[in-house]
Amino acid sequence: MNVIAFDDDLQTALLALTDADSVALSGTLTPKVRTDKNGLVKPAIDMVAHKLLTAYDARREGDA
């Protein structure tokens, strides 16, 4: 999956994630196919993200 974001705050939040972070994204999906270097055709998904929710955000909202 390829994700792109145009909102500065969303970009900052995405860049702050680590490999073990769980996230929920909302946005528009575009299914595609790609050809790898061996010539195999594989499915791919491109997303333009509009909103991000992390486990940290959910805990913080629950505490409020």
Protein backbone atom coordinates (compact mmCIF):
# COMPACT_ATOMS: atom_id res chain seq x y z
CA MET A 1 0.00 0.00 0.00
CA ASN A 2 1.26 3.43 -0.89
CA VAL A 3 -0.02 6.34 1.22
CA ILE A 4 0.24 10.03 0.40
CA ALA A 5 -1.02 12.96 2.47
CA PHE A 6 -1.25 16.62 1.51
CA ASP A 7 -2.19 18.05 4.93
CA ASP A 8 0.91 19.23 6.86
CA ASP A 9 -0.34 17.96 10.25
CA LEU A 10 -1.19 14.56 8.78
CA GLN A 11 2.22 14.34 7.09
CA THR A 12 3.93 15.09 10.41
CA ALA A 13 1.86 12.43 12.20
CA LEU A 14 2.65 9.82 9.53
CA LEU A 15 6.37 10.58 9.68
CA ALA A 16 6.33 10.21 13.48
CA LEU A 17 5.09 6.59 13.26
CA THR A 18 7.42 3.67 13.94
CA ASP A 19 7.34 0.15 12.49
CA ALA A 20 5.29 -1.27 15.38
CA ASP A 21 2.59 1.44 15.46
CA SER A 22 -0.99 0.50 14.60
CA VAL A 23 -2.98 3.07 12.68
CA ALA A 24 -6.37 3.58 11.10
CA LEU A 25 -6.46 5.72 7.97
CA SER A 26 -9.37 7.14 6.05
CA GLY A 27 -9.17 8.47 2.55
CA THR A 28 -9.60 7.50 -1.07
CA LEU A 29 -8.28 4.17 -2.34
CA THR A 30 -7.20 3.37 -5.88
CA PRO A 31 -6.59 -0.31 -6.68
CA LYS A 32 -3.78 -0.92 -9.15
CA VAL A 33 -1.50 -3.64 -10.42
CA ARG A 34 2.26 -3.44 -10.61
CA THR A 35 4.93 -5.52 -12.28
CA ASP A 36 7.89 -6.46 -10.08
CA LYS A 37 11.47 -6.74 -11.32
CA ASN A 38 10.91 -10.42 -12.19
CA GLY A 39 7.94 -9.60 -14.42
CA LEU A 40 5.30 -10.88 -11.98
CA VAL A 41 2.08 -8.88 -11.85
CA LYS A 42 1.01 -8.06 -8.28
CA PRO A 43 -1.88 -6.10 -6.78
CA ALA A 44 -1.23 -2.70 -5.18
CA ILE A 45 -3.28 0.00 -3.51
CA ASP A 46 -2.67 3.75 -3.50
CA MET A 47 -4.31 5.86 -0.80
CA VAL A 48 -4.71 9.60 -0.44
CA ALA A 49 -5.06 9.86 3.36
CA HIS A 50 -7.37 12.46 4.85
CA LYS A 51 -7.46 11.33 8.50
CA LEU A 52 -5.24 9.29 10.83
CA LEU A 53 -6.09 7.63 14.13
CA THR A 54 -3.49 5.92 16.31
CA ALA A 55 -3.86 3.94 19.53
CA TYR A 56 -2.30 6.91 21.31
CA ASP A 57 -5.09 9.21 19.99
CA ALA A 58 -7.79 6.79 21.15
CA ARG A 59 -6.33 6.57 24.67
CA ARG A 60 -5.97 10.35 24.90
CA GLU A 61 -9.61 10.90 23.85
CA GLY A 62 -10.79 8.29 26.36
CA ASP A 63 -8.99 10.10 29.18
CA ALA A 64 -10.66 13.42 28.39
